[in-house]
């Protein structure tokens, strides 16, 4: 059997998964005991898996998802308004004196 022309034809048909699986099958002695239908089933399963994987990769690339979402931080540059947020009131004050019953330990 001429395998190289067959693999070339599979590449021309854009069945790259099937071509890879055929090359792997020809290099492996484990598939010799399988029938034609079983080997063909393995080839078509591999092609289908490769196509789904390629479609998912393309969709994820087009989605342009961020690796981790950014959480706005107080005082950081506001995305919507283009200005800095005012500081919180408790950051302007100094330390508070401890007074009342809690200070006495009661």
PDB file of N, CA and C in Angstrom:
ATOM      1  N   UNK A   1       0.848  -1.182   0.000  1.00  0.00           N
ATOM      2  CA  UNK A   1       0.000   0.000   0.000  1.00  0.00           C
ATOM      3  C   UNK A   1       0.891   1.241   0.000  1.00  0.00           C
ATOM      4  N   UNK A   2       0.547   2.194  -0.830  1.00  0.00           N
ATOM      5  CA  UNK A   2       1.285   3.453  -0.894  1.00  0.00           C
ATOM      6  C   UNK A   2       0.685   4.412   0.136  1.00  0.00           C
ATOM      7  N   UNK A   3       1.415   4.612   1.209  1.00  0.00           N
ATOM      8  CA  UNK A   3       0.864   5.420   2.298  1.00  0.00           C
ATOM      9  C   UNK A   3       1.118   6.909   2.110  1.00  0.00           C
ATOM     10  N   UNK A   4       2.247   7.253   1.530  1.00  0.00           N
ATOM     11  CA  UNK A   4       2.579   8.677   1.393  1.00  0.00           C
ATOM     12  C   UNK A   4       1.563   9.426   0.516  1.00  0.00           C
ATOM     13  N   UNK A   5       1.167   8.883  -0.646  1.00  0.00           N
ATOM     14  CA  UNK A   5       0.137   9.587  -1.431  1.00  0.00           C
ATOM     15  C   UNK A   5      -1.201   9.688  -0.702  1.00  0.00           C
ATOM     16  N   UNK A   6      -1.524   8.658   0.076  1.00  0.00           N
ATOM     17  CA  UNK A   6      -2.786   8.690   0.824  1.00  0.00           C
ATOM     18  C   UNK A   6      -2.764   9.792   1.874  1.00  0.00           C
ATOM     19  N   UNK A   7      -1.653   9.905   2.581  1.00  0.00           N
ATOM     20  CA  UNK A   7      -1.526  10.962   3.591  1.00  0.00           C
ATOM     21  C   UNK A   7      -1.564  12.333   2.915  1.00  0.00           C
ATOM     22  N   UNK A   8      -0.918  12.472   1.762  1.00  0.00           N
ATOM     23  CA  UNK A   8      -0.962  13.743   1.026  1.00  0.00           C
ATOM     24  C   UNK A   8      -2.385  14.104   0.612  1.00  0.00           C
ATOM     25  N   UNK A   9      -3.130  13.118   0.168  1.00  0.00           N
ATOM     26  CA  UNK A   9      -4.517  13.374  -0.241  1.00  0.00           C
ATOM     27  C   UNK A   9      -5.377  13.774   0.950  1.00  0.00           C
ATOM     28  N   UNK A  10      -5.120  13.168   2.116  1.00  0.00           N
ATOM     29  CA  UNK A  10      -5.867  13.558   3.310  1.00  0.00           C
ATOM     30  C   UNK A  10      -5.557  15.007   3.695  1.00  0.00           C
ATOM     31  N   UNK A  11      -4.308  15.417   3.537  1.00  0.00           N
ATOM     32  CA  UNK A  11      -3.955  16.814   3.802  1.00  0.00           C
ATOM     33  C   UNK A  11      -4.624  17.750   2.794  1.00  0.00           C
ATOM     34  N   UNK A  12      -4.713  17.326   1.526  1.00  0.00           N
ATOM     35  CA  UNK A  12      -5.388  18.147   0.516  1.00  0.00           C
ATOM     36  C   UNK A  12      -6.869  18.290   0.826  1.00  0.00           C
ATOM     37  N   UNK A  13      -7.460  17.255   1.392  1.00  0.00           N
ATOM     38  CA  UNK A  13      -8.863  17.304   1.775  1.00  0.00           C
ATOM     39  C   UNK A  13      -9.085  18.020   3.107  1.00  0.00           C
ATOM     40  N   UNK A  14      -8.003  18.521   3.677  1.00  0.00           N
ATOM     41  CA  UNK A  14      -8.010  19.205   4.969  1.00  0.00           C
ATOM     42  C   UNK A  14      -8.485  18.286   6.093  1.00  0.00           C
ATOM     43  N   UNK A  15      -8.072  17.053   6.021  1.00  0.00           N
ATOM     44  CA  UNK A  15      -8.331  16.071   7.071  1.00  0.00           C
ATOM     45  C   UNK A  15      -7.013  15.795   7.789  1.00  0.00           C
ATOM     46  N   UNK A  16      -6.484  16.817   8.426  1.00  0.00           N
ATOM     47  CA  UNK A  16      -5.165  16.684   9.045  1.00  0.00           C
ATOM     48  C   UNK A  16      -5.181  15.737  10.233  1.00  0.00           C
ATOM     49  N   UNK A  17      -6.276  15.725  10.984  1.00  0.00           N
ATOM     50  CA  UNK A  17      -6.381  14.797  12.104  1.00  0.00           C
ATOM     51  C   UNK A  17      -6.359  13.362  11.652  1.00  0.00           C
ATOM     52  N   UNK A  18      -7.054  13.104  10.555  1.00  0.00           N
ATOM     53  CA  UNK A  18      -7.088  11.750  10.009  1.00  0.00           C
ATOM     54  C   UNK A  18      -5.719  11.357   9.463  1.00  0.00           C
ATOM     55  N   UNK A  19      -5.021  12.296   8.848  1.00  0.00           N
ATOM     56  CA  UNK A  19      -3.685  12.015   8.322  1.00  0.00           C
ATOM     57  C   UNK A  19      -2.702  11.708   9.455  1.00  0.00           C
ATOM     58  N   UNK A  20      -2.785  12.461  10.548  1.00  0.00           N
ATOM     59  CA  UNK A  20      -1.919  12.189  11.696  1.00  0.00           C
ATOM     60  C   UNK A  20      -2.221  10.828  12.306  1.00  0.00           C
ATOM     61  N   UNK A  21      -3.512  10.519  12.440  1.00  0.00           N
ATOM     62  CA  UNK A  21      -3.900   9.231  13.022  1.00  0.00           C
ATOM     63  C   UNK A  21      -3.460   8.074  12.133  1.00  0.00           C
ATOM     64  N   UNK A  22      -3.548   8.231  10.818  1.00  0.00           N
ATOM     65  CA  UNK A  22      -3.112   7.175   9.904  1.00  0.00           C
ATOM     66  C   UNK A  22      -1.605   6.956  10.028  1.00  0.00           C
ATOM     67  N   UNK A  23      -0.853   8.027  10.110  1.00  0.00           N
ATOM     68  CA  UNK A  23       0.599   7.894  10.272  1.00  0.00           C
ATOM     69  C   UNK A  23       0.938   7.194  11.582  1.00  0.00           C
ATOM     70  N   UNK A  24       0.194   7.505  12.644  1.00  0.00           N
ATOM     71  CA  UNK A  24       0.415   6.840  13.931  1.00  0.00           C
ATOM     72  C   UNK A  24       0.037   5.369  13.862  1.00  0.00           C
ATOM     73  N   UNK A  25      -1.064   5.065  13.178  1.00  0.00           N
ATOM     74  CA  UNK A  25      -1.493   3.665  13.044  1.00  0.00           C
ATOM     75  C   UNK A  25      -0.479   2.853  12.263  1.00  0.00           C
ATOM     76  N   UNK A  26       0.090   3.447  11.221  1.00  0.00           N
ATOM     77  CA  UNK A  26       1.067   2.715  10.411  1.00  0.00           C
ATOM     78  C   UNK A  26       2.352   2.461  11.198  1.00  0.00           C
ATOM     79  N   UNK A  27       2.675   3.323  12.137  1.00  0.00           N
ATOM     80  CA  UNK A  27       3.878   3.142  12.940  1.00  0.00           C
ATOM     81  C   UNK A  27       3.667   2.253  14.150  1.00  0.00           C
ATOM     82  N   UNK A  28       2.429   1.900  14.448  1.00  0.00           N
ATOM     83  CA  UNK A  28       2.122   1.105  15.632  1.00  0.00           C
ATOM     84  C   UNK A  28       1.695  -0.302  15.233  1.00  0.00           C
ATOM     85  N   UNK A  29       2.144  -1.286  15.995  1.00  0.00           N
ATOM     86  CA  UNK A  29       1.746  -2.667  15.710  1.00  0.00           C
ATOM     87  C   UNK A  29       0.510  -3.071  16.506  1.00  0.00           C
ATOM     88  N   UNK A  30       0.014  -2.180  17.360  1.00  0.00           N
ATOM     89  CA  UNK A  30      -1.138  -2.487  18.204  1.00  0.00           C
ATOM     90  C   UNK A  30      -2.449  -2.508  17.426  1.00  0.00           C
ATOM     91  N   UNK A  31      -2.516  -1.847  16.282  1.00  0.00           N
ATOM     92  CA  UNK A  31      -3.776  -1.753  15.537  1.00  0.00           C
ATOM     93  C   UNK A  31      -3.897  -2.809  14.442  1.00  0.00           C
ATOM     94  N   UNK A  32      -2.901  -3.670  14.319  1.00  0.00           N
ATOM     95  CA  UNK A  32      -2.943  -4.680  13.257  1.00  0.00           C
ATOM     96  C   UNK A  32      -4.057  -5.692  13.462  1.00  0.00           C
ATOM     97  N   UNK A  33      -4.429  -5.954  14.702  1.00  0.00           N
ATOM     98  CA  UNK A  33      -5.480  -6.936  14.972  1.00  0.00           C
ATOM     99  C   UNK A  33      -6.887  -6.345  14.809  1.00  0.00           C
ATOM    100  N   UNK A  34      -7.005  -5.037  14.605  1.00  0.00           N
ATOM    101  CA  UNK A  34      -8.310  -4.396  14.439  1.00  0.00           C
ATOM    102  C   UNK A  34      -8.829  -4.594  13.023  1.00  0.00           C
ATOM    103  N   UNK A  35     -10.138  -4.635  12.907  1.00  0.00           N
ATOM    104  CA  UNK A  35     -10.745  -4.757  11.580  1.00  0.00           C
ATOM    105  C   UNK A  35     -10.702  -3.403  10.865  1.00  0.00           C
ATOM    106  N   UNK A  36     -11.064  -3.421   9.585  1.00  0.00           N
ATOM    107  CA  UNK A  36     -11.066  -2.190   8.789  1.00  0.00           C
ATOM    108  C   UNK A  36     -12.021  -1.166   9.380  1.00  0.00           C
ATOM    109  N   UNK A  37     -13.219  -1.613   9.775  1.00  0.00           N
ATOM    110  CA  UNK A  37     -14.212  -0.694  10.316  1.00  0.00           C
ATOM    111  C   UNK A  37     -13.736  -0.045  11.614  1.00  0.00           C
ATOM    112  N   UNK A  38     -13.057  -0.827  12.448  1.00  0.00           N
ATOM    113  CA  UNK A  38     -12.555  -0.274  13.704  1.00  0.00           C
ATOM    114  C   UNK A  38     -11.453   0.756  13.460  1.00  0.00           C
ATOM    115  N   UNK A  39     -10.567   0.453  12.537  1.00  0.00           N
ATOM    116  CA  UNK A  39      -9.498   1.405  12.215  1.00  0.00           C
ATOM    117  C   UNK A  39     -10.070   2.678  11.590  1.00  0.00           C
ATOM    118  N   UNK A  40     -11.052   2.514  10.701  1.00  0.00           N
ATOM    119  CA  UNK A  40     -11.693   3.677  10.098  1.00  0.00           C
ATOM    120  C   UNK A  40     -12.412   4.503  11.161  1.00  0.00           C
ATOM    121  N   UNK A  41     -13.034   3.833  12.117  1.00  0.00           N
ATOM    122  CA  UNK A  41     -13.689   4.536  13.211  1.00  0.00           C
ATOM    123  C   UNK A  41     -12.693   5.342  14.035  1.00  0.00           C
ATOM    124  N   UNK A  42     -11.508   4.779  14.297  1.00  0.00           N
ATOM    125  CA  UNK A  42     -10.476   5.510  15.022  1.00  0.00           C
ATOM    126  C   UNK A  42     -10.009   6.734  14.243  1.00  0.00           C
ATOM    127  N   UNK A  43      -9.882   6.582  12.928  1.00  0.00           N
ATOM    128  CA  UNK A  43      -9.449   7.701  12.091  1.00  0.00           C
ATOM    129  C   UNK A  43     -10.479   8.835  12.089  1.00  0.00           C
ATOM    130  N   UNK A  44     -11.741   8.466  11.944  1.00  0.00           N
ATOM    131  CA  UNK A  44     -12.778   9.503  11.908  1.00  0.00           C
ATOM    132  C   UNK A  44     -12.962  10.152  13.280  1.00  0.00           C
ATOM    133  N   UNK A  45     -12.833   9.382  14.360  1.00  0.00           N
ATOM    134  CA  UNK A  45     -12.910   9.980  15.695  1.00  0.00           C
ATOM    135  C   UNK A  45     -11.792  10.996  15.902  1.00  0.00           C
ATOM    136  N   UNK A  46     -10.610  10.656  15.448  1.00  0.00           N
ATOM    137  CA  UNK A  46      -9.469  11.570  15.600  1.00  0.00           C
ATOM    138  C   UNK A  46      -9.697  12.846  14.792  1.00  0.00           C
ATOM    139  N   UNK A  47     -10.221  12.709  13.580  1.00  0.00           N
ATOM    140  CA  UNK A  47     -10.489  13.889  12.751  1.00  0.00           C
ATOM    141  C   UNK A  47     -11.532  14.783  13.408  1.00  0.00           C
ATOM    142  N   UNK A  48     -12.579  14.190  13.932  1.00  0.00           N
ATOM    143  CA  UNK A  48     -13.632  14.966  14.581  1.00  0.00           C
ATOM    144  C   UNK A  48     -13.098  15.680  15.819  1.00  0.00           C
ATOM    145  N   UNK A  49     -12.274  15.004  16.597  1.00  0.00           N
ATOM    146  CA  UNK A  49     -11.678  15.608  17.785  1.00  0.00           C
ATOM    147  C   UNK A  49     -10.776  16.774  17.406  1.00  0.00           C
ATOM    148  N   UNK A  50      -9.969  16.601  16.365  1.00  0.00           N
ATOM    149  CA  UNK A  50      -9.080  17.681  15.906  1.00  0.00           C
ATOM    150  C   UNK A  50      -9.879  18.899  15.445  1.00  0.00           C
ATOM    151  N   UNK A  51     -10.976  18.665  14.741  1.00  0.00           N
ATOM    152  CA  UNK A  51     -11.793  19.788  14.260  1.00  0.00           C
ATOM    153  C   UNK A  51     -12.445  20.553  15.406  1.00  0.00           C
ATOM    154  N   UNK A  52     -12.977  19.809  16.392  1.00  0.00           N
ATOM    155  CA  UNK A  52     -13.588  20.481  17.543  1.00  0.00           C
ATOM    156  C   UNK A  52     -12.551  21.266  18.324  1.00  0.00           C
ATOM    157  N   UNK A  53     -11.377  20.700  18.476  1.00  0.00           N
ATOM    158  CA  UNK A  53     -10.305  21.392  19.184  1.00  0.00           C
ATOM    159  C   UNK A  53      -9.886  22.660  18.448  1.00  0.00           C
ATOM    160  N   UNK A  54      -9.789  22.583  17.136  1.00  0.00           N
ATOM    161  CA  UNK A  54      -9.408  23.752  16.332  1.00  0.00           C
ATOM    162  C   UNK A  54     -10.484  24.831  16.404  1.00  0.00           C
ATOM    163  N   UNK A  55     -11.759  24.430  16.376  1.00  0.00           N
ATOM    164  CA  UNK A  55     -12.851  25.398  16.479  1.00  0.00           C
ATOM    165  C   UNK A  55     -12.848  26.096  17.830  1.00  0.00           C
ATOM    166  N   UNK A  56     -12.626  25.336  18.903  1.00  0.00           N
ATOM    167  CA  UNK A  56     -12.590  25.924  20.233  1.00  0.00           C
ATOM    168  C   UNK A  56     -11.420  26.892  20.375  1.00  0.00           C
ATOM    169  N   UNK A  57     -10.267  26.513  19.838  1.00  0.00           N
ATOM    170  CA  UNK A  57      -9.102  27.386  19.885  1.00  0.00           C
ATOM    171  C   UNK A  57      -9.366  28.685  19.147  1.00  0.00           C
ATOM    172  N   UNK A  58      -9.980  28.614  17.987  1.00  0.00           N
ATOM    173  CA  UNK A  58     -10.294  29.819  17.208  1.00  0.00           C
ATOM    174  C   UNK A  58     -11.308  30.701  17.929  1.00  0.00           C
ATOM    175  N   UNK A  59     -12.314  30.089  18.542  1.00  0.00           N
ATOM    176  CA  UNK A  59     -13.320  30.875  19.269  1.00  0.00           C
ATOM    177  C   UNK A  59     -12.711  31.580  20.470  1.00  0.00           C
ATOM    178  N   UNK A  60     -11.842  30.875  21.188  1.00  0.00           N
ATOM    179  CA  UNK A  60     -11.196  31.499  22.344  1.00  0.00           C
ATOM    180  C   UNK A  60     -10.273  32.629  21.916  1.00  0.00           C
ATOM    181  N   UNK A  61      -9.599  32.469  20.796  1.00  0.00           N
ATOM    182  CA  UNK A  61      -8.707  33.521  20.304  1.00  0.00           C
ATOM    183  C   UNK A  61      -9.518  34.746  19.896  1.00  0.00           C
ATOM    184  N   UNK A  62     -10.667  34.527  19.251  1.00  0.00           N
ATOM    185  CA  UNK A  62     -11.501  35.654  18.820  1.00  0.00           C
ATOM    186  C   UNK A  62     -12.202  36.337  19.990  1.00  0.00           C
ATOM    187  N   UNK A  63     -12.420  35.614  21.085  1.00  0.00           N
ATOM    188  CA  UNK A  63     -13.116  36.188  22.233  1.00  0.00           C
ATOM    189  C   UNK A  63     -12.248  37.203  22.959  1.00  0.00           C
ATOM    190  N   UNK A  64     -10.939  37.086  22.872  1.00  0.00           N
ATOM    191  CA  UNK A  64      -9.984  37.998  23.511  1.00  0.00           C
ATOM    192  C   UNK A  64     -10.297  38.160  24.998  1.00  0.00           C
ATOM    193  N   UNK A  65     -10.380  37.046  25.693  1.00  0.00           N
ATOM    194  CA  UNK A  65     -10.667  37.061  27.120  1.00  0.00           C
ATOM    195  C   UNK A  65      -9.436  37.490  27.898  1.00  0.00           C
ATOM    196  N   UNK A  66      -9.656  38.178  28.997  1.00  0.00           N
ATOM    197  CA  UNK A  66      -8.553  38.566  29.869  1.00  0.00           C
ATOM    198  C   UNK A  66      -8.182  37.381  30.748  1.00  0.00           C
ATOM    199  N   UNK A  67      -6.930  37.344  31.147  1.00  0.00           N
ATOM    200  CA  UNK A  67      -6.467  36.253  32.003  1.00  0.00           C
ATOM    201  C   UNK A  67      -7.132  36.316  33.370  1.00  0.00           C
ATOM    202  N   UNK A  68      -7.190  37.497  33.968  1.00  0.00           N
ATOM    203  CA  UNK A  68      -7.895  37.665  35.235  1.00  0.00           C
ATOM    204  C   UNK A  68      -8.566  39.041  35.211  1.00  0.00           C
ATOM    205  N   UNK A  69      -9.787  39.118  35.714  1.00  0.00           N
ATOM    206  CA  UNK A  69     -10.488  40.402  35.672  1.00  0.00           C
ATOM    207  C   UNK A  69      -9.843  41.404  36.615  1.00  0.00           C
ATOM    208  N   UNK A  70      -9.913  42.661  36.265  1.00  0.00           N
ATOM    209  CA  UNK A  70      -9.351  43.725  37.082  1.00  0.00           C
ATOM    210  C   UNK A  70     -10.440  44.269  37.993  1.00  0.00           C
ATOM    211  N   UNK A  71     -10.107  44.398  39.258  1.00  0.00           N
ATOM    212  CA  UNK A  71     -11.034  44.939  40.241  1.00  0.00           C
ATOM    213  C   UNK A  71     -10.636  46.380  40.502  1.00  0.00           C
ATOM    214  N   UNK A  72     -11.575  47.327  40.401  1.00  0.00           N
ATOM    215  CA  UNK A  72     -11.214  48.724  40.646  1.00  0.00           C
ATOM    216  C   UNK A  72     -10.789  48.923  42.096  1.00  0.00           C
ATOM    217  N   UNK A  73      -9.734  49.683  42.293  1.00  0.00           N
ATOM    218  CA  UNK A  73      -9.188  49.966  43.619  1.00  0.00           C
ATOM    219  C   UNK A  73      -9.468  51.424  43.945  1.00  0.00           C
ATOM    220  N   UNK A  74      -9.797  51.702  45.207  1.00  0.00           N
ATOM    221  CA  UNK A  74     -10.048  53.088  45.614  1.00  0.00           C
ATOM    222  C   UNK A  74      -8.794  53.903  45.386  1.00  0.00           C
ATOM    223  N   UNK A  75      -8.950  55.037  44.747  1.00  0.00           N
ATOM    224  CA  UNK A  75      -7.813  55.893  44.448  1.00  0.00           C
ATOM    225  C   UNK A  75      -7.196  55.590  43.093  1.00  0.00           C
ATOM    226  N   UNK A  76      -7.646  54.555  42.454  1.00  0.00           N
ATOM    227  CA  UNK A  76      -7.111  54.218  41.139  1.00  0.00           C
ATOM    228  C   UNK A  76      -7.805  55.048  40.074  1.00  0.00           C
ATOM    229  N   UNK A  77      -7.240  55.061  38.913  1.00  0.00           N
ATOM    230  CA  UNK A  77      -7.787  55.819  37.795  1.00  0.00           C
ATOM    231  C   UNK A  77      -9.109  55.196  37.374  1.00  0.00           C
ATOM    232  N   UNK A  78     -10.168  55.978  37.372  1.00  0.00           N
ATOM    233  CA  UNK A  78     -11.479  55.481  37.002  1.00  0.00           C
ATOM    234  C   UNK A  78     -11.542  55.276  35.497  1.00  0.00           C
ATOM    235  N   UNK A  79     -12.022  54.132  35.079  1.00  0.00           N
ATOM    236  CA  UNK A  79     -12.089  53.809  33.660  1.00  0.00           C
ATOM    237  C   UNK A  79     -13.171  54.623  32.963  1.00  0.00           C
ATOM    238  N   UNK A  80     -14.302  54.827  33.655  1.00  0.00           N
ATOM    239  CA  UNK A  80     -15.438  55.465  33.001  1.00  0.00           C
ATOM    240  C   UNK A  80     -15.338  56.990  32.981  1.00  0.00           C
ATOM    241  N   UNK A  81     -14.822  57.588  34.045  1.00  0.00           N
ATOM    242  CA  UNK A  81     -14.834  59.045  34.128  1.00  0.00           C
ATOM    243  C   UNK A  81     -13.488  59.685  33.822  1.00  0.00           C
ATOM    244  N   UNK A  82     -12.425  58.935  33.927  1.00  0.00           N
ATOM    245  CA  UNK A  82     -11.123  59.492  33.620  1.00  0.00           C
ATOM    246  C   UNK A  82     -10.544  60.356  34.726  1.00  0.00           C
ATOM    247  N   UNK A  83     -10.980  60.204  35.975  1.00  0.00           N
ATOM    248  CA  UNK A  83     -10.412  60.976  37.075  1.00  0.00           C
ATOM    249  C   UNK A  83     -10.173  60.063  38.280  1.00  0.00           C
ATOM    250  N   UNK A  84      -9.430  60.588  39.237  1.00  0.00           N
ATOM    251  CA  UNK A  84      -9.134  59.808  40.434  1.00  0.00           C
ATOM    252  C   UNK A  84     -10.290  59.924  41.425  1.00  0.00           C
ATOM    253  N   UNK A  85     -10.505  58.863  42.177  1.00  0.00           N
ATOM    254  CA  UNK A  85     -11.539  58.876  43.195  1.00  0.00           C
ATOM    255  C   UNK A  85     -11.050  59.659  44.408  1.00  0.00           C
ATOM    256  N   UNK A  86     -11.938  60.367  45.104  1.00  0.00           N
ATOM    257  CA  UNK A  86     -11.511  61.103  46.306  1.00  0.00           C
ATOM    258  C   UNK A  86     -11.135  60.108  47.401  1.00  0.00           C
ATOM    259  N   UNK A  87     -10.219  60.511  48.280  1.00  0.00           N
ATOM    260  CA  UNK A  87      -9.848  59.606  49.363  1.00  0.00           C
ATOM    261  C   UNK A  87     -10.997  59.424  50.341  1.00  0.00           C
ATOM    262  N   UNK A  88     -11.028  58.288  50.985  1.00  0.00           N
ATOM    263  CA  UNK A  88     -12.084  57.997  51.960  1.00  0.00           C
ATOM    264  C   UNK A  88     -11.898  58.890  53.182  1.00  0.00           C
ATOM    265  N   UNK A  89     -12.986  59.269  53.887  1.00  0.00           N
ATOM    266  CA  UNK A  89     -12.882  60.185  55.016  1.00  0.00           C
ATOM    267  C   UNK A  89     -11.981  59.664  56.131  1.00  0.00           C
ATOM    268  N   UNK A  90     -11.980  58.379  56.390  1.00  0.00           N
ATOM    269  CA  UNK A  90     -11.181  57.859  57.502  1.00  0.00           C
ATOM    270  C   UNK A  90      -9.686  57.875  57.211  1.00  0.00           C
ATOM    271  N   UNK A  91      -9.294  58.044  55.942  1.00  0.00           N
ATOM    272  CA  UNK A  91      -7.873  58.115  55.642  1.00  0.00           C
ATOM    273  C   UNK A  91      -7.325  59.516  55.912  1.00  0.00           C
ATOM    274  N   UNK A  92      -8.172  60.545  55.966  1.00  0.00           N
ATOM    275  CA  UNK A  92      -7.733  61.907  56.234  1.00  0.00           C
ATOM    276  C   UNK A  92      -7.536  62.158  57.729  1.00  0.00           C
ATOM    277  N   UNK A  93      -8.223  61.395  58.549  1.00  0.00           N
ATOM    278  CA  UNK A  93      -8.150  61.590  59.983  1.00  0.00           C
ATOM    279  C   UNK A  93      -6.952  60.818  60.546  1.00  0.00           C
ATOM    280  N   UNK A  94      -6.487  61.284  61.674  1.00  0.00           N
ATOM    281  CA  UNK A  94      -5.416  60.584  62.366  1.00  0.00           C
ATOM    282  C   UNK A  94      -5.987  59.406  63.145  1.00  0.00           C
ATOM    283  N   UNK A  95      -5.156  58.765  63.945  1.00  0.00           N
ATOM    284  CA  UNK A  95      -5.666  57.643  64.752  1.00  0.00           C
ATOM    285  C   UNK A  95      -6.674  58.138  65.778  1.00  0.00           C
ATOM    286  N   UNK A  96      -7.696  57.386  65.999  1.00  0.00           N
ATOM    287  CA  UNK A  96      -8.748  57.763  66.940  1.00  0.00           C
ATOM    288  C   UNK A  96      -8.331  57.388  68.357  1.00  0.00           C
ATOM    289  N   UNK A  97      -8.608  58.259  69.306  1.00  0.00           N
ATOM    290  CA  UNK A  97      -8.337  57.887  70.702  1.00  0.00           C
ATOM    291  C   UNK A  97      -9.373  56.884  71.184  1.00  0.00           C
ATOM    292  N   UNK A  98      -8.941  55.986  72.010  1.00  0.00           N
ATOM    293  CA  UNK A  98      -9.847  54.977  72.541  1.00  0.00           C
ATOM    294  C   UNK A  98     -10.513  55.566  73.787  1.00  0.00           C
ATOM    295  N   UNK A  99     -11.829  55.662  73.763  1.00  0.00           N
ATOM    296  CA  UNK A  99     -12.559  56.241  74.887  1.00  0.00           C
ATOM    297  C   UNK A  99     -13.738  55.368  75.223  1.00  0.00           C
ATOM    298  N   UNK A 100     -14.343  55.641  76.355  1.00  0.00           N
ATOM    299  CA  UNK A 100     -15.581  54.942  76.729  1.00  0.00           C
ATOM    300  C   UNK A 100     -15.309  53.703  77.543  1.00  0.00           C
ATOM    301  N   UNK A 101     -16.285  52.872  77.651  1.00  0.00           N
ATOM    302  CA  UNK A 101     -16.232  51.695  78.492  1.00  0.00           C
ATOM    303  C   UNK A 101     -15.227  50.667  77.971  1.00  0.00           C
ATOM    304  N   UNK A 102     -15.054  50.582  76.686  1.00  0.00           N
ATOM    305  CA  UNK A 102     -14.140  49.589  76.131  1.00  0.00           C
ATOM    306  C   UNK A 102     -12.696  49.915  76.490  1.00  0.00           C
ATOM    307  N   UNK A 103     -12.380  51.184  76.620  1.00  0.00           N
ATOM    308  CA  UNK A 103     -11.018  51.582  76.966  1.00  0.00           C
ATOM    309  C   UNK A 103     -10.693  51.185  78.397  1.00  0.00           C
ATOM    310  N   UNK A 104     -11.698  51.161  79.269  1.00  0.00           N
ATOM    311  CA  UNK A 104     -11.465  50.827  80.655  1.00  0.00           C
ATOM    312  C   UNK A 104     -11.450  49.329  80.896  1.00  0.00           C
ATOM    313  N   UNK A 105     -11.793  48.555  79.898  1.00  0.00           N
ATOM    314  CA  UNK A 105     -11.814  47.111  80.037  1.00  0.00           C
ATOM    315  C   UNK A 105     -13.078  46.574  80.671  1.00  0.00           C
ATOM    316  N   UNK A 106     -14.123  47.347  80.733  1.00  0.00           N
ATOM    317  CA  UNK A 106     -15.352  46.913  81.372  1.00  0.00           C
ATOM    318  C   UNK A 106     -16.243  46.182  80.429  1.00  0.00           C
TER     319      UNK A 106
END
